[in-house]
Amino acid sequence: MDNKAMALLAAGLSMGIGALGPGIGIGYLVGKSVEGIARQPEASGDIRTTMFIGIGVTEAVALYALVIAILLIFVA
């Protein structure tokens, strides 16, 4: 394999593996937030706000993987 093929393979792997963790993390976070809202409906505003902050932080990992994949595709 030449260098370009290896860079494309690495880009695909970085996006695949890089999206796996945030997908699991966001699913877990939203599930627990729904449980918390079901137990204490009066705290739904605080729980929802915290959930969205957590989603943003978790999604940043997938964006980092996307940046690495783009760099591998176009720079290598």
N, C-alpha and C. Protein backbone atom coordinates (compact mmCIF):
# COMPACT_ATOMS: atom_id res chain seq x y z
N MET A 1 0.83 -1.19 0.00
CA MET A 1 0.00 0.00 0.00
C MET A 1 0.87 1.25 0.00
N ASP A 2 0.39 2.23 -0.71
CA ASP A 2 1.13 3.48 -0.71
C ASP A 2 0.66 4.37 0.45
N ASN A 3 1.32 5.50 0.59
CA ASN A 3 1.03 6.38 1.72
C ASN A 3 -0.37 6.96 1.69
N LYS A 4 -0.88 7.27 0.51
CA LYS A 4 -2.23 7.85 0.40
C LYS A 4 -3.29 6.83 0.84
N ALA A 5 -3.11 5.59 0.45
CA ALA A 5 -4.07 4.56 0.85
C ALA A 5 -4.04 4.35 2.36
N MET A 6 -2.86 4.37 2.93
CA MET A 6 -2.76 4.22 4.38
C MET A 6 -3.39 5.42 5.10
N ALA A 7 -3.24 6.62 4.55
CA ALA A 7 -3.84 7.81 5.16
C ALA A 7 -5.36 7.74 5.08
N LEU A 8 -5.90 7.26 3.97
CA LEU A 8 -7.35 7.12 3.85
C LEU A 8 -7.89 6.05 4.79
N LEU A 9 -7.17 4.96 4.95
CA LEU A 9 -7.56 3.92 5.90
C LEU A 9 -7.53 4.46 7.33
N ALA A 10 -6.51 5.20 7.66
CA ALA A 10 -6.40 5.78 9.00
C ALA A 10 -7.51 6.80 9.24
N ALA A 11 -7.89 7.56 8.20
CA ALA A 11 -8.97 8.53 8.33
C ALA A 11 -10.30 7.82 8.61
N GLY A 12 -10.54 6.75 7.90
CA GLY A 12 -11.77 5.98 8.13
C GLY A 12 -11.81 5.37 9.52
N LEU A 13 -10.68 4.84 9.95
CA LEU A 13 -10.63 4.26 11.29
C LEU A 13 -10.77 5.32 12.37
N SER A 14 -10.18 6.48 12.16
CA SER A 14 -10.28 7.52 13.17
C SER A 14 -11.71 8.00 13.32
N MET A 15 -12.45 8.10 12.23
CA MET A 15 -13.85 8.52 12.33
C MET A 15 -14.70 7.41 12.92
N GLY A 16 -14.44 6.18 12.54
CA GLY A 16 -15.24 5.07 13.06
C GLY A 16 -15.06 4.89 14.56
N ILE A 17 -13.83 4.84 14.99
CA ILE A 17 -13.55 4.66 16.41
C ILE A 17 -13.84 5.95 17.18
N GLY A 18 -13.56 7.08 16.53
CA GLY A 18 -13.80 8.36 17.19
C GLY A 18 -15.26 8.69 17.38
N ALA A 19 -16.15 8.09 16.62
CA ALA A 19 -17.58 8.32 16.79
C ALA A 19 -18.22 7.28 17.71
N LEU A 20 -17.54 6.20 17.94
CA LEU A 20 -18.09 5.13 18.78
C LEU A 20 -18.21 5.57 20.24
N GLY A 21 -17.17 6.15 20.78
CA GLY A 21 -17.19 6.58 22.18
C GLY A 21 -18.23 7.66 22.46
N PRO A 22 -18.26 8.75 21.67
CA PRO A 22 -19.29 9.76 21.91
C PRO A 22 -20.70 9.23 21.72
N GLY A 23 -20.90 8.32 20.79
CA GLY A 23 -22.24 7.74 20.61
C GLY A 23 -22.71 7.00 21.84
N ILE A 24 -21.83 6.20 22.40
CA ILE A 24 -22.17 5.48 23.63
C ILE A 24 -22.34 6.46 24.79
N GLY A 25 -21.45 7.44 24.87
CA GLY A 25 -21.52 8.41 25.97
C GLY A 25 -22.78 9.25 25.94
N ILE A 26 -23.18 9.72 24.76
CA ILE A 26 -24.38 10.53 24.66
C ILE A 26 -25.62 9.69 24.94
N GLY A 27 -25.64 8.46 24.48
CA GLY A 27 -26.77 7.58 24.78
C GLY A 27 -26.92 7.35 26.27
N TYR A 28 -25.81 7.10 26.95
CA TYR A 28 -25.84 6.90 28.39
C TYR A 28 -26.27 8.17 29.11
N LEU A 29 -25.75 9.30 28.68
CA LEU A 29 -26.05 10.58 29.31
C LEU A 29 -27.52 10.94 29.18
N VAL A 30 -28.08 10.78 28.00
CA VAL A 30 -29.50 11.11 27.78
C VAL A 30 -30.39 10.14 28.55
N GLY A 31 -30.02 8.87 28.56
CA GLY A 31 -30.81 7.88 29.31
C GLY A 31 -30.87 8.20 30.79
N LYS A 32 -29.74 8.54 31.36
CA LYS A 32 -29.71 8.88 32.79
C LYS A 32 -30.43 10.20 33.06
N SER A 33 -30.38 11.13 32.12
CA SER A 33 -31.10 12.39 32.29
C SER A 33 -32.61 12.16 32.28
N VAL A 34 -33.07 11.29 31.39
CA VAL A 34 -34.50 10.96 31.35
C VAL A 34 -34.92 10.28 32.65
N GLU A 35 -34.08 9.40 33.16
CA GLU A 35 -34.39 8.78 34.45
C GLU A 35 -34.49 9.82 35.56
N GLY A 36 -33.56 10.77 35.57
CA GLY A 36 -33.57 11.82 36.58
C GLY A 36 -34.80 12.70 36.48
N ILE A 37 -35.21 13.03 35.26
CA ILE A 37 -36.41 13.85 35.07
C ILE A 37 -37.65 13.06 35.48
N ALA A 38 -37.66 11.76 35.21
CA ALA A 38 -38.81 10.94 35.61
C ALA A 38 -38.93 10.86 37.13
N ARG A 39 -37.80 10.84 37.82
CA ARG A 39 -37.84 10.77 39.30
C ARG A 39 -38.18 12.11 39.93
N GLN A 40 -37.65 13.19 39.36
CA GLN A 40 -37.88 14.52 39.91
C GLN A 40 -38.25 15.49 38.80
N PRO A 41 -39.52 15.51 38.41
CA PRO A 41 -39.94 16.39 37.31
C PRO A 41 -39.71 17.87 37.60
N GLU A 42 -39.70 18.25 38.87
CA GLU A 42 -39.51 19.67 39.20
C GLU A 42 -38.09 20.13 38.93
N ALA A 43 -37.14 19.22 38.81
CA ALA A 43 -35.74 19.57 38.54
C ALA A 43 -35.39 19.41 37.06
N SER A 44 -36.41 19.32 36.21
CA SER A 44 -36.14 19.02 34.79
C SER A 44 -35.32 20.12 34.12
N GLY A 45 -35.52 21.37 34.49
CA GLY A 45 -34.74 22.45 33.86
C GLY A 45 -33.26 22.34 34.15
N ASP A 46 -32.91 22.09 35.40
CA ASP A 46 -31.49 21.94 35.76
C ASP A 46 -30.88 20.70 35.13
N ILE A 47 -31.64 19.61 35.12
CA ILE A 47 -31.13 18.36 34.54
C ILE A 47 -30.92 18.53 33.04
N ARG A 48 -31.87 19.19 32.38
CA ARG A 48 -31.77 19.39 30.94
C ARG A 48 -30.58 20.27 30.58
N THR A 49 -30.36 21.32 31.36
CA THR A 49 -29.22 22.21 31.11
C THR A 49 -27.90 21.46 31.26
N THR A 50 -27.79 20.69 32.32
CA THR A 50 -26.58 19.89 32.54
C THR A 50 -26.39 18.86 31.45
N MET A 51 -27.51 18.28 30.99
CA MET A 51 -27.43 17.29 29.92
C MET A 51 -26.88 17.91 28.64
N PHE A 52 -27.35 19.11 28.28
CA PHE A 52 -26.88 19.74 27.05
C PHE A 52 -25.41 20.13 27.14
N ILE A 53 -24.97 20.55 28.31
CA ILE A 53 -23.55 20.85 28.50
C ILE A 53 -22.72 19.58 28.33
N GLY A 54 -23.18 18.49 28.91
CA GLY A 54 -22.49 17.20 28.77
C GLY A 54 -22.47 16.71 27.35
N ILE A 55 -23.56 16.91 26.63
CA ILE A 55 -23.60 16.50 25.22
C ILE A 55 -22.58 17.29 24.41
N GLY A 56 -22.48 18.59 24.68
CA GLY A 56 -21.51 19.42 23.97
C GLY A 56 -20.08 18.99 24.21
N VAL A 57 -19.77 18.68 25.47
CA VAL A 57 -18.42 18.24 25.80
C VAL A 57 -18.12 16.88 25.18
N THR A 58 -19.10 15.99 25.21
CA THR A 58 -18.91 14.65 24.65
C THR A 58 -18.78 14.71 23.13
N GLU A 59 -19.57 15.57 22.50
CA GLU A 59 -19.53 15.68 21.04
C GLU A 59 -18.22 16.27 20.55
N ALA A 60 -17.52 16.99 21.41
CA ALA A 60 -16.22 17.56 21.02
C ALA A 60 -15.23 16.47 20.64
N VAL A 61 -15.32 15.32 21.27
CA VAL A 61 -14.41 14.21 20.94
C VAL A 61 -14.62 13.76 19.50
N ALA A 62 -15.87 13.68 19.07
CA ALA A 62 -16.16 13.30 17.68
C ALA A 62 -15.68 14.37 16.71
N LEU A 63 -15.78 15.62 17.10
CA LEU A 63 -15.29 16.69 16.23
C LEU A 63 -13.76 16.65 16.10
N TYR A 64 -13.08 16.32 17.18
CA TYR A 64 -11.63 16.16 17.10
C TYR A 64 -11.26 15.02 16.14
N ALA A 65 -12.01 13.93 16.19
CA ALA A 65 -11.76 12.82 15.27
C ALA A 65 -12.01 13.25 13.83
N LEU A 66 -13.03 14.07 13.61
CA LEU A 66 -13.31 14.58 12.27
C LEU A 66 -12.18 15.45 11.76
N VAL A 67 -11.65 16.30 12.61
CA VAL A 67 -10.53 17.16 12.21
C VAL A 67 -9.31 16.32 11.84
N ILE A 68 -9.02 15.30 12.64
CA ILE A 68 -7.89 14.42 12.34
C ILE A 68 -8.12 13.69 11.02
N ALA A 69 -9.35 13.22 10.79
CA ALA A 69 -9.65 12.51 9.54
C ALA A 69 -9.48 13.45 8.33
N ILE A 70 -9.95 14.67 8.44
CA ILE A 70 -9.80 15.63 7.34
C ILE A 70 -8.33 15.94 7.09
N LEU A 71 -7.56 16.08 8.17
CA LEU A 71 -6.13 16.31 7.99
C LEU A 71 -5.47 15.13 7.30
N LEU A 72 -5.85 13.93 7.68
CA LEU A 72 -5.25 12.75 7.05
C LEU A 72 -5.62 12.65 5.56
N ILE A 73 -6.83 13.03 5.22
CA ILE A 73 -7.27 12.91 3.83
C ILE A 73 -6.59 13.94 2.95
N PHE A 74 -6.54 15.20 3.41
CA PHE A 74 -6.08 16.25 2.51
C PHE A 74 -4.62 16.64 2.66
N VAL A 75 -3.99 16.33 3.78
CA VAL A 75 -2.59 16.72 3.98
C VAL A 75 -1.64 15.58 3.63
N ALA A 76 -2.00 14.38 4.00
CA ALA A 76 -1.09 13.24 3.77
C ALA A 76 -1.03 12.85 2.31
